[in-house]
PDB file of N, CA and C in Angstrom:
ATOM      1  N   MET A   1       2.393  13.042  -1.769  1.00  0.00           N
ATOM      2  CA  MET A   1       1.347  12.571  -2.665  1.00  0.00           C
ATOM      3  C   MET A   1       1.835  12.374  -4.073  1.00  0.00           C
ATOM      4  N   PRO A   2       2.589  13.304  -4.573  1.00  0.00           N
ATOM      5  CA  PRO A   2       3.048  13.085  -6.017  1.00  0.00           C
ATOM      6  C   PRO A   2       3.876  11.757  -6.164  1.00  0.00           C
ATOM      7  N   GLY A   3       4.695  11.492  -5.124  1.00  0.00           N
ATOM      8  CA  GLY A   3       5.526  10.268  -5.182  1.00  0.00           C
ATOM      9  C   GLY A   3       4.644   8.963  -5.118  1.00  0.00           C
ATOM     10  N   LEU A   4       3.564   9.052  -4.337  1.00  0.00           N
ATOM     11  CA  LEU A   4       2.726   7.914  -4.268  1.00  0.00           C
ATOM     12  C   LEU A   4       1.967   7.697  -5.619  1.00  0.00           C
ATOM     13  N   LEU A   5       1.507   8.800  -6.172  1.00  0.00           N
ATOM     14  CA  LEU A   5       0.866   8.762  -7.509  1.00  0.00           C
ATOM     15  C   LEU A   5       1.800   8.221  -8.511  1.00  0.00           C
ATOM     16  N   LEU A   6       3.025   8.678  -8.575  1.00  0.00           N
ATOM     17  CA  LEU A   6       4.015   8.179  -9.569  1.00  0.00           C
ATOM     18  C   LEU A   6       4.284   6.686  -9.348  1.00  0.00           C
ATOM     19  N   ALA A   7       4.408   6.281  -8.112  1.00  0.00           N
ATOM     20  CA  ALA A   7       4.670   4.820  -7.845  1.00  0.00           C
ATOM     21  C   ALA A   7       3.429   3.989  -8.274  1.00  0.00           C
ATOM     22  N   LEU A   8       2.257   4.503  -8.059  1.00  0.00           N
ATOM     23  CA  LEU A   8       1.031   3.779  -8.497  1.00  0.00           C
ATOM     24  C   LEU A   8       0.901   3.721 -10.009  1.00  0.00           C
ATOM     25  N   SER A   9       1.357   4.791 -10.634  1.00  0.00           N
ATOM     26  CA  SER A   9       1.314   4.750 -12.120  1.00  0.00           C
ATOM     27  C   SER A   9       2.305   3.729 -12.653  1.00  0.00           C
ATOM     28  N   PHE A  10       3.545   3.663 -12.016  1.00  0.00           N
ATOM     29  CA  PHE A  10       4.421   2.616 -12.371  1.00  0.00           C
ATOM     30  C   PHE A  10       3.900   1.222 -12.279  1.00  0.00           C
ATOM     31  N   VAL A  11       3.237   0.974 -11.142  1.00  0.00           N
ATOM     32  CA  VAL A  11       2.691  -0.355 -10.884  1.00  0.00           C
ATOM     33  C   VAL A  11       1.560  -0.711 -11.950  1.00  0.00           C
ATOM     34  N   VAL A  12       0.734   0.314 -12.175  1.00  0.00           N
ATOM     35  CA  VAL A  12      -0.381   0.075 -13.192  1.00  0.00           C
ATOM     36  C   VAL A  12       0.308  -0.138 -14.599  1.00  0.00           C
ATOM     37  N   THR A  13       1.237   0.635 -14.914  1.00  0.00           N
ATOM     38  CA  THR A  13       1.902   0.513 -16.290  1.00  0.00           C
ATOM     39  C   THR A  13       2.523  -0.922 -16.436  1.00  0.00           C
ATOM     40  N   LEU A  14       3.303  -1.290 -15.326  1.00  0.00           N
ATOM     41  CA  LEU A  14       3.975  -2.602 -15.452  1.00  0.00           C
ATOM     42  C   LEU A  14       3.013  -3.722 -15.413  1.00  0.00           C
ATOM     43  N   LEU A  15       1.930  -3.630 -14.659  1.00  0.00           N
ATOM     44  CA  LEU A  15       0.924  -4.687 -14.657  1.00  0.00           C
ATOM     45  C   LEU A  15       0.251  -4.811 -16.073  1.00  0.00           C
ATOM     46  N   GLY A  16      -0.105  -3.712 -16.581  1.00  0.00           N
ATOM     47  CA  GLY A  16      -0.693  -3.724 -17.962  1.00  0.00           C
ATOM     48  C   GLY A  16       0.266  -4.218 -18.977  1.00  0.00           C
ATOM     49  N   TRP A  17       1.520  -3.839 -18.900  1.00  0.00           N
ATOM     50  CA  TRP A  17       2.562  -4.218 -19.875  1.00  0.00           C
ATOM     51  C   TRP A  17       2.664  -5.758 -19.788  1.00  0.00           C
ATOM     52  N   SER A  18       2.751  -6.279 -18.555  1.00  0.00           N
ATOM     53  CA  SER A  18       3.023  -7.728 -18.427  1.00  0.00           C
ATOM     54  C   SER A  18       1.765  -8.522 -18.753  1.00  0.00           C
ATOM     55  N   LYS A  19       0.581  -7.948 -18.729  1.00  0.00           N
ATOM     56  CA  LYS A  19      -0.646  -8.696 -19.115  1.00  0.00           C
ATOM     57  C   LYS A  19      -0.625  -8.712 -20.681  1.00  0.00           C
ATOM     58  N   MET A  20      -0.201  -7.663 -21.341  1.00  0.00           N
ATOM     59  CA  MET A  20      -0.304  -7.699 -22.820  1.00  0.00           C
ATOM     60  C   MET A  20       0.804  -8.571 -23.330  1.00  0.00           C
ATOM     61  N   ASN A  21       1.979  -8.624 -22.698  1.00  0.00           N
ATOM     62  CA  ASN A  21       3.066  -9.436 -23.156  1.00  0.00           C
ATOM     63  C   ASN A  21       3.736 -10.144 -21.997  1.00  0.00           C
ATOM     64  N   PRO A  22       3.228 -11.336 -21.659  1.00  0.00           N
ATOM     65  CA  PRO A  22       3.704 -12.076 -20.467  1.00  0.00           C
ATOM     66  C   PRO A  22       5.213 -12.437 -20.558  1.00  0.00           C
ATOM     67  N   GLY A  23       5.766 -12.389 -21.658  1.00  0.00           N
ATOM     68  CA  GLY A  23       7.268 -12.603 -21.746  1.00  0.00           C
ATOM     69  C   GLY A  23       8.119 -11.668 -21.114  1.00  0.00           C
ATOM     70  N   VAL A  24       7.657 -10.354 -20.864  1.00  0.00           N
ATOM     71  CA  VAL A  24       8.471  -9.374 -20.273  1.00  0.00           C
ATOM     72  C   VAL A  24       8.619  -9.556 -18.729  1.00  0.00           C
ATOM     73  N   GLY A  25       7.647 -10.291 -18.176  1.00  0.00           N
ATOM     74  CA  GLY A  25       7.663 -10.590 -16.717  1.00  0.00           C
ATOM     75  C   GLY A  25       7.357 -11.996 -16.317  1.00  0.00           C
ATOM     76  N   PRO A  26       8.164 -12.939 -16.751  1.00  0.00           N
ATOM     77  CA  PRO A  26       7.810 -14.325 -16.480  1.00  0.00           C
ATOM     78  C   PRO A  26       7.756 -14.628 -14.920  1.00  0.00           C
ATOM     79  N   ALA A  27       6.877 -15.570 -14.628  1.00  0.00           N
ATOM     80  CA  ALA A  27       6.706 -15.958 -13.248  1.00  0.00           C
ATOM     81  C   ALA A  27       7.958 -16.527 -12.642  1.00  0.00           C
ATOM     82  N   GLY A  28       8.404 -16.195 -11.512  1.00  0.00           N
ATOM     83  CA  GLY A  28       9.559 -16.795 -10.862  1.00  0.00           C
ATOM     84  C   GLY A  28       9.229 -18.071 -10.238  1.00  0.00           C
ATOM     85  N   GLU A  29      10.294 -18.708  -9.770  1.00  0.00           N
ATOM     86  CA  GLU A  29      10.061 -20.004  -9.100  1.00  0.00           C
ATOM     87  C   GLU A  29       9.501 -19.815  -7.763  1.00  0.00           C
ATOM     88  N   LYS A  30       8.748 -20.754  -7.274  1.00  0.00           N
ATOM     89  CA  LYS A  30       8.155 -20.677  -5.940  1.00  0.00           C
ATOM     90  C   LYS A  30       9.148 -21.027  -4.905  1.00  0.00           C
ATOM     91  N   SER A  31       9.102 -20.334  -3.714  1.00  0.00           N
ATOM     92  CA  SER A  31       9.985 -20.629  -2.634  1.00  0.00           C
ATOM     93  C   SER A  31       9.159 -21.022  -1.395  1.00  0.00           C
ATOM     94  N   THR A  32       9.767 -21.878  -0.666  1.00  0.00           N
ATOM     95  CA  THR A  32       9.045 -22.311   0.606  1.00  0.00           C
ATOM     96  C   THR A  32       9.128 -21.201   1.651  1.00  0.00           C
ATOM     97  N   TRP A  33       8.309 -21.416   2.688  1.00  0.00           N
ATOM     98  CA  TRP A  33       8.337 -20.489   3.783  1.00  0.00           C
ATOM     99  C   TRP A  33       9.651 -20.631   4.521  1.00  0.00           C
ATOM    100  N   LYS A  34      10.227 -21.803   4.611  1.00  0.00           N
ATOM    101  CA  LYS A  34      11.481 -21.997   5.277  1.00  0.00           C
ATOM    102  C   LYS A  34      12.589 -21.211   4.577  1.00  0.00           C
ATOM    103  N   ALA A  35      12.609 -21.231   3.244  1.00  0.00           N
ATOM    104  CA  ALA A  35      13.584 -20.432   2.488  1.00  0.00           C
ATOM    105  C   ALA A  35      13.357 -18.972   2.669  1.00  0.00           C
ATOM    106  N   ARG A  36      12.146 -18.567   2.707  1.00  0.00           N
ATOM    107  CA  ARG A  36      11.798 -17.111   2.961  1.00  0.00           C
ATOM    108  C   ARG A  36      12.360 -16.629   4.292  1.00  0.00           C
ATOM    109  N   PHE A  37      12.064 -17.398   5.348  1.00  0.00           N
ATOM    110  CA  PHE A  37      12.538 -17.032   6.629  1.00  0.00           C
ATOM    111  C   PHE A  37      14.098 -17.092   6.720  1.00  0.00           C
ATOM    112  N   ALA A  38      14.674 -18.012   6.027  1.00  0.00           N
ATOM    113  CA  ALA A  38      16.132 -18.151   6.037  1.00  0.00           C
ATOM    114  C   ALA A  38      16.813 -16.942   5.318  1.00  0.00           C
ATOM    115  N   SER A  39      16.092 -16.256   4.501  1.00  0.00           N
ATOM    116  CA  SER A  39      16.633 -15.091   3.784  1.00  0.00           C
ATOM    117  C   SER A  39      16.511 -13.811   4.613  1.00  0.00           C
ATOM    118  N   LEU A  40      15.782 -13.869   5.639  1.00  0.00           N
ATOM    119  CA  LEU A  40      15.521 -12.603   6.515  1.00  0.00           C
ATOM    120  C   LEU A  40      16.795 -11.969   7.109  1.00  0.00           C
ATOM    121  N   PRO A  41      17.718 -12.809   7.618  1.00  0.00           N
ATOM    122  CA  PRO A  41      18.889 -12.122   8.227  1.00  0.00           C
ATOM    123  C   PRO A  41      19.683 -11.308   7.262  1.00  0.00           C
ATOM    124  N   SER A  42      19.661 -11.652   5.988  1.00  0.00           N
ATOM    125  CA  SER A  42      20.488 -10.841   4.973  1.00  0.00           C
ATOM    126  C   SER A  42      19.842  -9.490   4.763  1.00  0.00           C
ATOM    127  N   VAL A  43      18.547  -9.309   5.041  1.00  0.00           N
ATOM    128  CA  VAL A  43      17.932  -8.010   4.914  1.00  0.00           C
ATOM    129  C   VAL A  43      17.793  -7.225   6.166  1.00  0.00           C
ATOM    130  N   ALA A  44      18.197  -7.783   7.287  1.00  0.00           N
ATOM    131  CA  ALA A  44      17.970  -7.138   8.580  1.00  0.00           C
ATOM    132  C   ALA A  44      18.690  -5.797   8.629  1.00  0.00           C
ATOM    133  N   TRP A  45      19.882  -5.693   8.054  1.00  0.00           N
ATOM    134  CA  TRP A  45      20.582  -4.453   8.145  1.00  0.00           C
ATOM    135  C   TRP A  45      19.878  -3.332   7.354  1.00  0.00           C
ATOM    136  N   VAL A  46      19.268  -3.699   6.213  1.00  0.00           N
ATOM    137  CA  VAL A  46      18.565  -2.719   5.409  1.00  0.00           C
ATOM    138  C   VAL A  46      17.217  -2.264   6.225  1.00  0.00           C
ATOM    139  N   VAL A  47      16.611  -3.253   6.743  1.00  0.00           N
ATOM    140  CA  VAL A  47      15.372  -2.902   7.520  1.00  0.00           C
ATOM    141  C   VAL A  47      15.722  -1.999   8.732  1.00  0.00           C
ATOM    142  N   GLY A  48      16.868  -2.361   9.365  1.00  0.00           N
ATOM    143  CA  GLY A  48      17.307  -1.517  10.481  1.00  0.00           C
ATOM    144  C   GLY A  48      17.594  -0.109  10.137  1.00  0.00           C
ATOM    145  N   ILE A  49      18.311   0.087   9.024  1.00  0.00           N
ATOM    146  CA  ILE A  49      18.576   1.468   8.525  1.00  0.00           C
ATOM    147  C   ILE A  49      17.367   2.230   8.221  1.00  0.00           C
ATOM    148  N   PHE A  50      16.403   1.520   7.530  1.00  0.00           N
ATOM    149  CA  PHE A  50      15.097   2.088   7.201  1.00  0.00           C
ATOM    150  C   PHE A  50      14.341   2.557   8.464  1.00  0.00           C
ATOM    151  N   LEU A  51      14.322   1.707   9.466  1.00  0.00           N
ATOM    152  CA  LEU A  51      13.586   2.062  10.698  1.00  0.00           C
ATOM    153  C   LEU A  51      14.275   3.190  11.473  1.00  0.00           C
ATOM    154  N   VAL A  52      15.551   3.262  11.380  1.00  0.00           N
ATOM    155  CA  VAL A  52      16.272   4.356  12.138  1.00  0.00           C
ATOM    156  C   VAL A  52      15.988   5.664  11.400  1.00  0.00           C
ATOM    157  N   VAL A  53      16.115   5.632  10.052  1.00  0.00           N
ATOM    158  CA  VAL A  53      15.913   6.915   9.292  1.00  0.00           C
ATOM    159  C   VAL A  53      14.435   7.350   9.397  1.00  0.00           C
ATOM    160  N   ILE A  54      13.513   6.471   9.043  1.00  0.00           N
ATOM    161  CA  ILE A  54      12.064   6.882   9.082  1.00  0.00           C
ATOM    162  C   ILE A  54      11.620   7.134  10.460  1.00  0.00           C
ATOM    163  N   GLY A  55      12.067   6.285  11.456  1.00  0.00           N
ATOM    164  CA  GLY A  55      11.659   6.486  12.794  1.00  0.00           C
ATOM    165  C   GLY A  55      12.163   7.813  13.416  1.00  0.00           C
ATOM    166  N   GLY A  56      13.440   8.109  13.033  1.00  0.00           N
ATOM    167  CA  GLY A  56      14.032   9.353  13.560  1.00  0.00           C
ATOM    168  C   GLY A  56      13.311  10.592  12.949  1.00  0.00           C
ATOM    169  N   LEU A  57      12.886  10.455  11.714  1.00  0.00           N
ATOM    170  CA  LEU A  57      12.097  11.613  11.075  1.00  0.00           C
ATOM    171  C   LEU A  57      10.777  11.712  11.738  1.00  0.00           C
ATOM    172  N   MET A  58      10.051  10.605  11.924  1.00  0.00           N
ATOM    173  CA  MET A  58       8.726  10.648  12.446  1.00  0.00           C
ATOM    174  C   MET A  58       8.714  11.108  13.906  1.00  0.00           C
ATOM    175  N   ALA A  59       9.767  10.715  14.634  1.00  0.00           N
ATOM    176  CA  ALA A  59       9.875  11.056  16.101  1.00  0.00           C
ATOM    177  C   ALA A  59      10.395  12.501  16.248  1.00  0.00           C
ATOM    178  N   GLY A  60      10.869  13.093  15.203  1.00  0.00           N
ATOM    179  CA  GLY A  60      11.399  14.437  15.314  1.00  0.00           C
ATOM    180  C   GLY A  60      12.831  14.529  15.859  1.00  0.00           C
ATOM    181  N   PHE A  61      13.538  13.464  15.829  1.00  0.00           N
ATOM    182  CA  PHE A  61      14.914  13.433  16.215  1.00  0.00           C
ATOM    183  C   PHE A  61      15.813  14.236  15.288  1.00  0.00           C
ATOM    184  N   PHE A  62      15.510  14.183  13.980  1.00  0.00           N
ATOM    185  CA  PHE A  62      16.330  14.946  13.073  1.00  0.00           C
ATOM    186  C   PHE A  62      15.515  15.387  11.854  1.00  0.00           C
ATOM    187  N   THR A  63      16.092  16.300  11.107  1.00  0.00           N
ATOM    188  CA  THR A  63      15.401  16.840   9.902  1.00  0.00           C
ATOM    189  C   THR A  63      15.612  15.865   8.700  1.00  0.00           C
ATOM    190  N   PRO A  64      14.956  16.037   7.591  1.00  0.00           N
ATOM    191  CA  PRO A  64      15.205  15.223   6.418  1.00  0.00           C
ATOM    192  C   PRO A  64      16.666  15.209   5.936  1.00  0.00           C
ATOM    193  N   THR A  65      17.355  16.395   6.040  1.00  0.00           N
ATOM    194  CA  THR A  65      18.749  16.407   5.646  1.00  0.00           C
ATOM    195  C   THR A  65      19.575  15.588   6.575  1.00  0.00           C
ATOM    196  N   GLU A  66      19.292  15.690   7.856  1.00  0.00           N
ATOM    197  CA  GLU A  66      20.091  14.945   8.878  1.00  0.00           C
ATOM    198  C   GLU A  66      19.767  13.447   8.657  1.00  0.00           C
ATOM    199  N   ALA A  67      18.519  13.086   8.402  1.00  0.00           N
ATOM    200  CA  ALA A  67      18.135  11.692   8.235  1.00  0.00           C
ATOM    201  C   ALA A  67      18.855  11.114   7.052  1.00  0.00           C
ATOM    202  N   GLY A  68      19.019  11.874   5.981  1.00  0.00           N
ATOM    203  CA  GLY A  68      19.846  11.409   4.793  1.00  0.00           C
ATOM    204  C   GLY A  68      21.267  11.123   5.181  1.00  0.00           C
ATOM    205  N   SER A  69      21.830  12.051   5.988  1.00  0.00           N
ATOM    206  CA  SER A  69      23.255  11.839   6.420  1.00  0.00           C
ATOM    207  C   SER A  69      23.355  10.665   7.327  1.00  0.00           C
ATOM    208  N   VAL A  70      22.372  10.440   8.177  1.00  0.00           N
ATOM    209  CA  VAL A  70      22.352   9.271   9.097  1.00  0.00           C
ATOM    210  C   VAL A  70      22.312   7.999   8.299  1.00  0.00           C
ATOM    211  N   GLY A  71      21.380   7.986   7.277  1.00  0.00           N
ATOM    212  CA  GLY A  71      21.267   6.816   6.487  1.00  0.00           C
ATOM    213  C   GLY A  71      22.500   6.534   5.617  1.00  0.00           C
ATOM    214  N   ALA A  72      23.104   7.573   5.053  1.00  0.00           N
ATOM    215  CA  ALA A  72      24.313   7.391   4.237  1.00  0.00           C
ATOM    216  C   ALA A  72      25.436   6.967   5.151  1.00  0.00           C
ATOM    217  N   GLY A  73      25.577   7.481   6.317  1.00  0.00           N
ATOM    218  CA  GLY A  73      26.572   7.094   7.331  1.00  0.00           C
ATOM    219  C   GLY A  73      26.456   5.583   7.641  1.00  0.00           C
ATOM    220  N   ALA A  74      25.166   5.208   7.924  1.00  0.00           N
ATOM    221  CA  ALA A  74      24.877   3.786   8.275  1.00  0.00           C
ATOM    222  C   ALA A  74      25.222   2.901   7.137  1.00  0.00           C
ATOM    223  N   VAL A  75      24.984   3.245   5.881  1.00  0.00           N
ATOM    224  CA  VAL A  75      25.311   2.399   4.746  1.00  0.00           C
ATOM    225  C   VAL A  75      26.849   2.328   4.607  1.00  0.00           C
ATOM    226  N   CYS A  76      27.533   3.419   4.924  1.00  0.00           N
ATOM    227  CA  CYS A  76      29.031   3.351   4.826  1.00  0.00           C
ATOM    228  C   CYS A  76      29.581   2.443   5.872  1.00  0.00           C
ATOM    229  N   LEU A  77      28.944   2.243   6.991  1.00  0.00           N
ATOM    230  CA  LEU A  77      29.381   1.353   8.072  1.00  0.00           C
ATOM    231  C   LEU A  77      28.995  -0.081   7.859  1.00  0.00           C
ATOM    232  N   TYR A  78      28.218  -0.334   6.847  1.00  0.00           N
ATOM    233  CA  TYR A  78      27.761  -1.682   6.579  1.00  0.00           C
ATOM    234  C   TYR A  78      28.943  -2.624   6.350  1.00  0.00           C
ATOM    235  N   PRO A  79      28.990  -3.720   7.141  1.00  0.00           N
ATOM    236  CA  PRO A  79      30.166  -4.647   6.984  1.00  0.00           C
ATOM    237  C   PRO A  79      30.083  -5.447   5.671  1.00  0.00           C
ATOM    238  N   LEU A  80      31.020  -5.245   4.842  1.00  0.00           N
ATOM    239  CA  LEU A  80      30.996  -5.974   3.515  1.00  0.00           C
ATOM    240  C   LEU A  80      31.498  -7.349   3.766  1.00  0.00           C
TER     241      LEU A  80
END
C-alpha cells in the first residue's frame, strides 16, 4: 500500500506540475497503431521476465528473495 500511495503521489505531482508549466512535459509525436505493434517484439523479453518473476511469486514457486535472483539472472542472460 505505501508503494501505491507513493506512485499515486508522483503521478499527481507530475500532472499538476505539467499543468502549471506545459514546457516541462511537451506532448510527444503521435504514432500509428502499426508502429505501436511493430515495437512490441523489442519489449517481449521484459514482459517475459516480469511475468516469470511476478507469476512465480503469486503461484508460490519462490520467495521474494528468490524471485529477485531469478529476475537478475534472467536479465544477465538477456542477449545484447
